[in-house]
């Protein structure tokens, strides 16, 4: 209970400090627990929030984001990407990303359209919930590491945070193309340092833990997210938007 209360305070502090100059803000939104938590807090802080969702037709994100935006009672803007458009724009994204991991290229491609949508809607800033999965064992790879012990998990967390920070650098470059600021509260130094101290057993319960991120989910429930949103299983952005399926076909 004490950890949940303190984590809630630290999350509020991180979001408040990084968005303090933004009255109107976009939130990169998939309908999952992380982006829903961020959106809810921005709203509670008095921000004029617009949820931003991108995806190929019939993708998971478009369906879930539409449902959850109604539950949160927050407006949603959708950018439905088509494959012809991606083929045209991917060269620009690739030049920005340079020699990077395939996964980063997929993520950059999704964010390219998030920032494009934000610009079209007249937004100057977009908040993104990146960092939660890395810090709170959101990825399935943490399950595979569990049997190797707590130190192995902590080492993986540190590695994944480093990758997320590099990904943020790329996203910052893409955002600047559209005159938009990319804000990632959960990768700020103070929050990262706090999150690293949260006990591993409050993040992941075992090698077969399908939910993970338990401390975050507890906070989500406390601030009033619907239970089905707070307990929704992880689905990575590049998969849920349909971007990975596109890349698999084309590359």
C-alpha atoms as a PDB file:
ATOM      1  CA  UNK A   1       0.000   0.000   0.000  1.00  0.00           C
ATOM      2  CA  UNK A   2       2.816   2.406   0.932  1.00  0.00           C
ATOM      3  CA  UNK A   3       4.639   1.728  -2.345  1.00  0.00           C
ATOM      4  CA  UNK A   4       1.458   2.271  -4.363  1.00  0.00           C
ATOM      5  CA  UNK A   5       0.861   5.635  -2.688  1.00  0.00           C
ATOM      6  CA  UNK A   6       4.449   6.772  -3.209  1.00  0.00           C
ATOM      7  CA  UNK A   7       4.505   5.551  -6.805  1.00  0.00           C
ATOM      8  CA  UNK A   8       1.286   7.425  -7.500  1.00  0.00           C
ATOM      9  CA  UNK A   9       2.877  10.602  -6.109  1.00  0.00           C
ATOM     10  CA  UNK A  10       6.012  10.133  -8.207  1.00  0.00           C
ATOM     11  CA  UNK A  11       3.967   9.540 -11.352  1.00  0.00           C
ATOM     12  CA  UNK A  12       1.988  12.718 -10.750  1.00  0.00           C
ATOM     13  CA  UNK A  13       5.214  14.641 -10.105  1.00  0.00           C
ATOM     14  CA  UNK A  14       6.796  13.351 -13.325  1.00  0.00           C
ATOM     15  CA  UNK A  15       3.779  14.221 -15.466  1.00  0.00           C
ATOM     16  CA  UNK A  16       3.182  17.569 -13.770  1.00  0.00           C
ATOM     17  CA  UNK A  17       6.794  18.759 -14.061  1.00  0.00           C
ATOM     18  CA  UNK A  18       7.212  17.759 -17.707  1.00  0.00           C
ATOM     19  CA  UNK A  19       3.879  19.179 -18.887  1.00  0.00           C
ATOM     20  CA  UNK A  20       3.714  22.289 -16.703  1.00  0.00           C
ATOM     21  CA  UNK A  21       3.903  24.676 -19.678  1.00  0.00           C
ATOM     22  CA  UNK A  22       1.295  22.795 -21.705  1.00  0.00           C
ATOM     23  CA  UNK A  23      -2.360  23.685 -21.252  1.00  0.00           C
ATOM     24  CA  UNK A  24      -3.384  21.719 -24.331  1.00  0.00           C
ATOM     25  CA  UNK A  25      -1.624  18.428 -24.933  1.00  0.00           C
ATOM     26  CA  UNK A  26      -1.842  15.349 -27.085  1.00  0.00           C
ATOM     27  CA  UNK A  27      -1.333  11.893 -25.604  1.00  0.00           C
ATOM     28  CA  UNK A  28      -0.008   9.088 -27.809  1.00  0.00           C
ATOM     29  CA  UNK A  29      -2.742   6.589 -27.108  1.00  0.00           C
ATOM     30  CA  UNK A  30      -3.153   2.849 -27.638  1.00  0.00           C
ATOM     31  CA  UNK A  31      -5.854   2.197 -25.040  1.00  0.00           C
ATOM     32  CA  UNK A  32      -3.441   0.157 -22.915  1.00  0.00           C
ATOM     33  CA  UNK A  33      -2.805   0.740 -19.224  1.00  0.00           C
ATOM     34  CA  UNK A  34       0.264   2.973 -19.675  1.00  0.00           C
ATOM     35  CA  UNK A  35      -1.161   5.476 -22.139  1.00  0.00           C
ATOM     36  CA  UNK A  36      -4.529   5.424 -20.329  1.00  0.00           C
ATOM     37  CA  UNK A  37      -2.812   6.165 -17.019  1.00  0.00           C
ATOM     38  CA  UNK A  38      -0.915   9.065 -18.596  1.00  0.00           C
ATOM     39  CA  UNK A  39      -4.045  10.456 -20.240  1.00  0.00           C
ATOM     40  CA  UNK A  40      -6.055  10.204 -17.019  1.00  0.00           C
ATOM     41  CA  UNK A  41      -3.399  12.044 -15.031  1.00  0.00           C
ATOM     42  CA  UNK A  42      -3.035  14.782 -17.640  1.00  0.00           C
ATOM     43  CA  UNK A  43      -6.792  15.264 -17.452  1.00  0.00           C
ATOM     44  CA  UNK A  44      -6.744  15.314 -13.647  1.00  0.00           C
ATOM     45  CA  UNK A  45      -4.023  17.976 -13.814  1.00  0.00           C
ATOM     46  CA  UNK A  46      -6.436  20.180 -15.734  1.00  0.00           C
ATOM     47  CA  UNK A  47      -4.921  19.728 -19.190  1.00  0.00           C
ATOM     48  CA  UNK A  48      -6.993  19.982 -22.342  1.00  0.00           C
ATOM     49  CA  UNK A  49      -6.256  16.440 -23.534  1.00  0.00           C
ATOM     50  CA  UNK A  50      -6.605  15.061 -27.045  1.00  0.00           C
ATOM     51  CA  UNK A  51      -5.875  11.352 -27.439  1.00  0.00           C
ATOM     52  CA  UNK A  52      -3.894  10.521 -30.591  1.00  0.00           C
ATOM     53  CA  UNK A  53      -4.104   7.061 -32.151  1.00  0.00           C
ATOM     54  CA  UNK A  54      -2.610   5.789 -35.384  1.00  0.00           C
ATOM     55  CA  UNK A  55      -2.917   2.429 -37.101  1.00  0.00           C
ATOM     56  CA  UNK A  56      -3.614   0.571 -40.263  1.00  0.00           C
ATOM     57  CA  UNK A  57      -7.288  -0.194 -41.058  1.00  0.00           C
ATOM     58  CA  UNK A  58      -8.867  -2.708 -38.641  1.00  0.00           C
ATOM     59  CA  UNK A  59      -5.759  -2.706 -36.421  1.00  0.00           C
ATOM     60  CA  UNK A  60      -6.009  -3.511 -32.706  1.00  0.00           C
ATOM     61  CA  UNK A  61      -5.161   0.045 -31.597  1.00  0.00           C
ATOM     62  CA  UNK A  62      -7.952   1.697 -33.564  1.00  0.00           C
ATOM     63  CA  UNK A  63     -10.577  -0.568 -32.037  1.00  0.00           C
ATOM     64  CA  UNK A  64      -9.329  -0.522 -28.440  1.00  0.00           C
ATOM     65  CA  UNK A  65      -8.460   3.183 -28.402  1.00  0.00           C
ATOM     66  CA  UNK A  66     -11.962   4.065 -29.574  1.00  0.00           C
ATOM     67  CA  UNK A  67     -13.529   1.955 -26.824  1.00  0.00           C
ATOM     68  CA  UNK A  68     -11.265   3.204 -24.024  1.00  0.00           C
ATOM     69  CA  UNK A  69     -11.484   6.877 -25.023  1.00  0.00           C
ATOM     70  CA  UNK A  70     -15.221   6.628 -24.389  1.00  0.00           C
ATOM     71  CA  UNK A  71     -14.600   5.043 -20.983  1.00  0.00           C
ATOM     72  CA  UNK A  72     -12.200   7.868 -20.091  1.00  0.00           C
ATOM     73  CA  UNK A  73     -14.568  10.463 -21.549  1.00  0.00           C
ATOM     74  CA  UNK A  74     -11.696  12.062 -23.480  1.00  0.00           C
ATOM     75  CA  UNK A  75     -11.708  13.149 -27.150  1.00  0.00           C
ATOM     76  CA  UNK A  76      -9.874  10.956 -29.642  1.00  0.00           C
ATOM     77  CA  UNK A  77      -8.250  11.789 -32.966  1.00  0.00           C
ATOM     78  CA  UNK A  78      -7.408   8.897 -35.294  1.00  0.00           C
ATOM     79  CA  UNK A  79      -4.926   8.768 -38.152  1.00  0.00           C
ATOM     80  CA  UNK A  80      -5.684   5.713 -40.259  1.00  0.00           C
ATOM     81  CA  UNK A  81      -2.536   4.861 -42.216  1.00  0.00           C
ATOM     82  CA  UNK A  82      -2.590   3.059 -45.536  1.00  0.00           C
ATOM     83  CA  UNK A  83       0.246   0.959 -46.908  1.00  0.00           C
ATOM     84  CA  UNK A  84       0.818   3.243 -49.891  1.00  0.00           C
ATOM     85  CA  UNK A  85       1.379   6.156 -47.522  1.00  0.00           C
ATOM     86  CA  UNK A  86       3.869   4.216 -45.399  1.00  0.00           C
ATOM     87  CA  UNK A  87       5.816   3.198 -48.497  1.00  0.00           C
ATOM     88  CA  UNK A  88       6.035   6.865 -49.488  1.00  0.00           C
ATOM     89  CA  UNK A  89       7.072   8.125 -46.039  1.00  0.00           C
ATOM     90  CA  UNK A  90       9.335   5.326 -44.815  1.00  0.00           C
ATOM     91  CA  UNK A  91      12.409   6.727 -46.564  1.00  0.00           C
ATOM     92  CA  UNK A  92      12.091   9.961 -44.601  1.00  0.00           C
ATOM     93  CA  UNK A  93      11.689   8.025 -41.352  1.00  0.00           C
ATOM     94  CA  UNK A  94      14.664   5.812 -42.184  1.00  0.00           C
ATOM     95  CA  UNK A  95      16.895   8.830 -42.791  1.00  0.00           C
ATOM     96  CA  UNK A  96      15.959  10.253 -39.402  1.00  0.00           C
ATOM     97  CA  UNK A  97      16.531   6.976 -37.585  1.00  0.00           C
ATOM     98  CA  UNK A  98      19.779   6.146 -39.413  1.00  0.00           C
ATOM     99  CA  UNK A  99      21.448   2.815 -38.664  1.00  0.00           C
ATOM    100  CA  UNK A 100      19.188   1.575 -35.912  1.00  0.00           C
ATOM    101  CA  UNK A 101      17.386  -1.561 -34.790  1.00  0.00           C
ATOM    102  CA  UNK A 102      14.548  -2.834 -36.976  1.00  0.00           C
ATOM    103  CA  UNK A 103      12.215  -2.493 -33.992  1.00  0.00           C
ATOM    104  CA  UNK A 104      13.181   1.173 -33.579  1.00  0.00           C
ATOM    105  CA  UNK A 105      12.379   1.823 -37.233  1.00  0.00           C
ATOM    106  CA  UNK A 106       8.905   0.362 -36.715  1.00  0.00           C
ATOM    107  CA  UNK A 107       8.371   2.496 -33.594  1.00  0.00           C
ATOM    108  CA  UNK A 108       9.678   5.617 -35.343  1.00  0.00           C
ATOM    109  CA  UNK A 109       7.271   4.991 -38.228  1.00  0.00           C
ATOM    110  CA  UNK A 110       4.293   4.825 -35.845  1.00  0.00           C
ATOM    111  CA  UNK A 111       5.414   7.977 -34.031  1.00  0.00           C
ATOM    112  CA  UNK A 112       5.932   9.809 -37.314  1.00  0.00           C
ATOM    113  CA  UNK A 113       2.179   9.647 -37.847  1.00  0.00           C
ATOM    114  CA  UNK A 114       1.407  10.464 -34.204  1.00  0.00           C
ATOM    115  CA  UNK A 115       3.359  13.717 -34.507  1.00  0.00           C
ATOM    116  CA  UNK A 116       1.923  14.416 -37.935  1.00  0.00           C
ATOM    117  CA  UNK A 117      -1.582  14.037 -36.512  1.00  0.00           C
ATOM    118  CA  UNK A 118      -0.685  16.282 -33.572  1.00  0.00           C
ATOM    119  CA  UNK A 119       0.540  18.967 -35.950  1.00  0.00           C
ATOM    120  CA  UNK A 120      -2.620  18.730 -38.033  1.00  0.00           C
ATOM    121  CA  UNK A 121      -4.658  19.207 -34.846  1.00  0.00           C
ATOM    122  CA  UNK A 122      -2.678  22.316 -33.880  1.00  0.00           C
ATOM    123  CA  UNK A 123      -0.937  20.710 -30.907  1.00  0.00           C
ATOM    124  CA  UNK A 124       2.500  21.823 -29.781  1.00  0.00           C
ATOM    125  CA  UNK A 125       3.264  18.899 -27.465  1.00  0.00           C
ATOM    126  CA  UNK A 126       2.618  15.168 -27.255  1.00  0.00           C
ATOM    127  CA  UNK A 127       3.059  13.110 -24.086  1.00  0.00           C
ATOM    128  CA  UNK A 128       4.147   9.500 -24.415  1.00  0.00           C
ATOM    129  CA  UNK A 129       4.130   6.778 -21.743  1.00  0.00           C
ATOM    130  CA  UNK A 130       7.430   5.204 -22.842  1.00  0.00           C
ATOM    131  CA  UNK A 131       9.538   3.944 -19.952  1.00  0.00           C
ATOM    132  CA  UNK A 132       6.831   2.162 -18.002  1.00  0.00           C
ATOM    133  CA  UNK A 133       7.347  -1.176 -19.753  1.00  0.00           C
ATOM    134  CA  UNK A 134      11.106  -0.929 -19.349  1.00  0.00           C
ATOM    135  CA  UNK A 135      11.073   0.080 -15.680  1.00  0.00           C
ATOM    136  CA  UNK A 136       8.219  -2.149 -14.506  1.00  0.00           C
ATOM    137  CA  UNK A 137       8.900  -5.369 -16.435  1.00  0.00           C
ATOM    138  CA  UNK A 138       6.154  -4.912 -19.010  1.00  0.00           C
ATOM    139  CA  UNK A 139       7.786  -6.949 -21.757  1.00  0.00           C
ATOM    140  CA  UNK A 140       7.566 -10.717 -22.076  1.00  0.00           C
ATOM    141  CA  UNK A 141      11.359 -10.879 -22.109  1.00  0.00           C
ATOM    142  CA  UNK A 142      11.264 -10.196 -18.362  1.00  0.00           C
ATOM    143  CA  UNK A 143       9.431 -13.498 -17.881  1.00  0.00           C
ATOM    144  CA  UNK A 144      12.173 -15.298 -19.753  1.00  0.00           C
ATOM    145  CA  UNK A 145      14.759 -13.636 -17.492  1.00  0.00           C
ATOM    146  CA  UNK A 146      12.921 -14.343 -14.234  1.00  0.00           C
ATOM    147  CA  UNK A 147      14.476 -17.757 -13.577  1.00  0.00           C
ATOM    148  CA  UNK A 148      17.955 -16.218 -13.739  1.00  0.00           C
ATOM    149  CA  UNK A 149      17.241 -14.190 -10.629  1.00  0.00           C
ATOM    150  CA  UNK A 150      16.626 -10.640  -9.467  1.00  0.00           C
ATOM    151  CA  UNK A 151      20.027  -9.298 -10.505  1.00  0.00           C
ATOM    152  CA  UNK A 152      19.436 -10.493 -14.073  1.00  0.00           C
ATOM    153  CA  UNK A 153      16.081  -8.692 -14.142  1.00  0.00           C
ATOM    154  CA  UNK A 154      17.631  -5.497 -12.780  1.00  0.00           C
ATOM    155  CA  UNK A 155      20.365  -5.660 -15.409  1.00  0.00           C
ATOM    156  CA  UNK A 156      17.739  -6.106 -18.122  1.00  0.00           C
ATOM    157  CA  UNK A 157      15.782  -3.134 -16.800  1.00  0.00           C
ATOM    158  CA  UNK A 158      18.898  -0.958 -17.001  1.00  0.00           C
ATOM    159  CA  UNK A 159      19.602  -2.153 -20.538  1.00  0.00           C
ATOM    160  CA  UNK A 160      16.009  -1.558 -21.683  1.00  0.00           C
ATOM    161  CA  UNK A 161      15.917   1.940 -20.173  1.00  0.00           C
ATOM    162  CA  UNK A 162      19.061   2.766 -22.153  1.00  0.00           C
ATOM    163  CA  UNK A 163      17.378   1.571 -25.353  1.00  0.00           C
ATOM    164  CA  UNK A 164      14.255   3.608 -24.522  1.00  0.00           C
ATOM    165  CA  UNK A 165      16.344   6.744 -24.010  1.00  0.00           C
ATOM    166  CA  UNK A 166      17.965   6.266 -27.409  1.00  0.00           C
ATOM    167  CA  UNK A 167      14.508   5.727 -28.921  1.00  0.00           C
ATOM    168  CA  UNK A 168      13.383   8.973 -27.292  1.00  0.00           C
ATOM    169  CA  UNK A 169      16.245  10.801 -28.990  1.00  0.00           C
ATOM    170  CA  UNK A 170      14.985   9.549 -32.361  1.00  0.00           C
ATOM    171  CA  UNK A 171      11.377  10.440 -31.538  1.00  0.00           C
ATOM    172  CA  UNK A 172      12.472  13.933 -30.491  1.00  0.00           C
ATOM    173  CA  UNK A 173      13.982  14.401 -33.963  1.00  0.00           C
ATOM    174  CA  UNK A 174      10.806  13.231 -35.673  1.00  0.00           C
ATOM    175  CA  UNK A 175       8.626  15.459 -33.487  1.00  0.00           C
ATOM    176  CA  UNK A 176      10.749  18.501 -34.326  1.00  0.00           C
ATOM    177  CA  UNK A 177       9.991  17.961 -38.024  1.00  0.00           C
ATOM    178  CA  UNK A 178       6.378  18.813 -37.253  1.00  0.00           C
ATOM    179  CA  UNK A 179       7.107  21.598 -34.767  1.00  0.00           C
ATOM    180  CA  UNK A 180       5.934  19.389 -31.898  1.00  0.00           C
ATOM    181  CA  UNK A 181       7.589  18.674 -28.552  1.00  0.00           C
ATOM    182  CA  UNK A 182       7.888  15.018 -27.524  1.00  0.00           C
ATOM    183  CA  UNK A 183       7.372  14.602 -23.753  1.00  0.00           C
ATOM    184  CA  UNK A 184       8.192  11.311 -22.014  1.00  0.00           C
ATOM    185  CA  UNK A 185       7.653  11.839 -18.258  1.00  0.00           C
ATOM    186  CA  UNK A 186       8.593   8.306 -17.231  1.00  0.00           C
ATOM    187  CA  UNK A 187      12.072   8.559 -18.723  1.00  0.00           C
ATOM    188  CA  UNK A 188      12.969  11.643 -16.697  1.00  0.00           C
ATOM    189  CA  UNK A 189      15.974  11.113 -14.429  1.00  0.00           C
ATOM    190  CA  UNK A 190      14.175  11.510 -11.086  1.00  0.00           C
ATOM    191  CA  UNK A 191      11.401   9.099 -12.003  1.00  0.00           C
ATOM    192  CA  UNK A 192      13.812   6.527 -13.424  1.00  0.00           C
ATOM    193  CA  UNK A 193      15.907   6.637 -10.253  1.00  0.00           C
ATOM    194  CA  UNK A 194      12.824   6.113  -8.100  1.00  0.00           C
ATOM    195  CA  UNK A 195      11.408   3.331 -10.272  1.00  0.00           C
ATOM    196  CA  UNK A 196      14.694   1.430 -10.155  1.00  0.00           C
ATOM    197  CA  UNK A 197      14.260   1.196  -6.377  1.00  0.00           C
ATOM    198  CA  UNK A 198      10.780  -0.340  -6.537  1.00  0.00           C
ATOM    199  CA  UNK A 199      11.119  -4.010  -5.539  1.00  0.00           C
ATOM    200  CA  UNK A 200      11.128  -6.445  -8.445  1.00  0.00           C
ATOM    201  CA  UNK A 201       8.392  -8.560  -6.806  1.00  0.00           C
ATOM    202  CA  UNK A 202       6.016  -5.606  -7.179  1.00  0.00           C
ATOM    203  CA  UNK A 203       6.678  -5.569 -10.908  1.00  0.00           C
ATOM    204  CA  UNK A 204       6.694  -9.237 -11.915  1.00  0.00           C
ATOM    205  CA  UNK A 205       5.525 -12.354 -10.044  1.00  0.00           C
ATOM    206  CA  UNK A 206       7.101 -15.184 -12.011  1.00  0.00           C
ATOM    207  CA  UNK A 207       8.150 -16.600 -15.369  1.00  0.00           C
ATOM    208  CA  UNK A 208       4.521 -17.197 -16.376  1.00  0.00           C
ATOM    209  CA  UNK A 209       3.236 -13.776 -15.280  1.00  0.00           C
ATOM    210  CA  UNK A 210       1.031 -12.588 -18.149  1.00  0.00           C
ATOM    211  CA  UNK A 211       0.180  -9.192 -16.664  1.00  0.00           C
ATOM    212  CA  UNK A 212       3.398  -7.879 -15.093  1.00  0.00           C
ATOM    213  CA  UNK A 213       3.671  -4.145 -14.177  1.00  0.00           C
ATOM    214  CA  UNK A 214       1.615  -4.878 -11.046  1.00  0.00           C
ATOM    215  CA  UNK A 215       2.653  -1.727  -9.187  1.00  0.00           C
ATOM    216  CA  UNK A 216       1.564   0.401 -12.162  1.00  0.00           C
ATOM    217  CA  UNK A 217      -1.735  -1.452 -12.490  1.00  0.00           C
ATOM    218  CA  UNK A 218      -2.450  -0.839  -8.794  1.00  0.00           C
ATOM    219  CA  UNK A 219      -1.912   2.893  -9.294  1.00  0.00           C
ATOM    220  CA  UNK A 220      -4.132   2.819 -12.383  1.00  0.00           C
ATOM    221  CA  UNK A 221      -6.988   1.357 -10.343  1.00  0.00           C
ATOM    222  CA  UNK A 222      -6.415   3.875  -7.534  1.00  0.00           C
ATOM    223  CA  UNK A 223      -6.758   6.866  -9.867  1.00  0.00           C
ATOM    224  CA  UNK A 224      -9.982   5.518 -11.330  1.00  0.00           C
ATOM    225  CA  UNK A 225      -9.132   3.664 -14.524  1.00  0.00           C
ATOM    226  CA  UNK A 226     -11.683   0.955 -15.376  1.00  0.00           C
ATOM    227  CA  UNK A 227     -10.507  -2.450 -14.188  1.00  0.00           C
ATOM    228  CA  UNK A 228     -10.496  -3.936 -17.695  1.00  0.00           C
ATOM    229  CA  UNK A 229      -8.172  -1.152 -18.851  1.00  0.00           C
ATOM    230  CA  UNK A 230      -5.890  -1.386 -15.828  1.00  0.00           C
ATOM    231  CA  UNK A 231      -5.529  -5.150 -16.275  1.00  0.00           C
ATOM    232  CA  UNK A 232      -5.227  -5.295 -20.074  1.00  0.00           C
ATOM    233  CA  UNK A 233      -2.262  -7.370 -21.246  1.00  0.00           C
ATOM    234  CA  UNK A 234       0.633  -5.728 -23.030  1.00  0.00           C
ATOM    235  CA  UNK A 235       0.632  -5.451 -26.833  1.00  0.00           C
ATOM    236  CA  UNK A 236       3.591  -3.542 -28.285  1.00  0.00           C
ATOM    237  CA  UNK A 237       2.830  -0.441 -30.360  1.00  0.00           C
ATOM    238  CA  UNK A 238       4.365  -1.746 -33.572  1.00  0.00           C
ATOM    239  CA  UNK A 239       2.148  -4.845 -33.388  1.00  0.00           C
ATOM    240  CA  UNK A 240      -1.068  -3.243 -32.180  1.00  0.00           C
ATOM    241  CA  UNK A 241      -0.909  -0.486 -34.825  1.00  0.00           C
ATOM    242  CA  UNK A 242      -0.384  -3.004 -37.614  1.00  0.00           C
ATOM    243  CA  UNK A 243       3.015  -1.511 -38.485  1.00  0.00           C
ATOM    244  CA  UNK A 244       4.972  -4.711 -37.806  1.00  0.00           C
ATOM    245  CA  UNK A 245       2.764  -6.703 -40.172  1.00  0.00           C
ATOM    246  CA  UNK A 246       3.438  -4.104 -42.879  1.00  0.00           C
ATOM    247  CA  UNK A 247       7.212  -4.299 -42.370  1.00  0.00           C
ATOM    248  CA  UNK A 248       7.134  -8.076 -42.425  1.00  0.00           C
ATOM    249  CA  UNK A 249       5.569  -7.984 -45.874  1.00  0.00           C
ATOM    250  CA  UNK A 250       7.755  -5.249 -47.332  1.00  0.00           C
ATOM    251  CA  UNK A 251      11.219  -5.785 -45.829  1.00  0.00           C
END
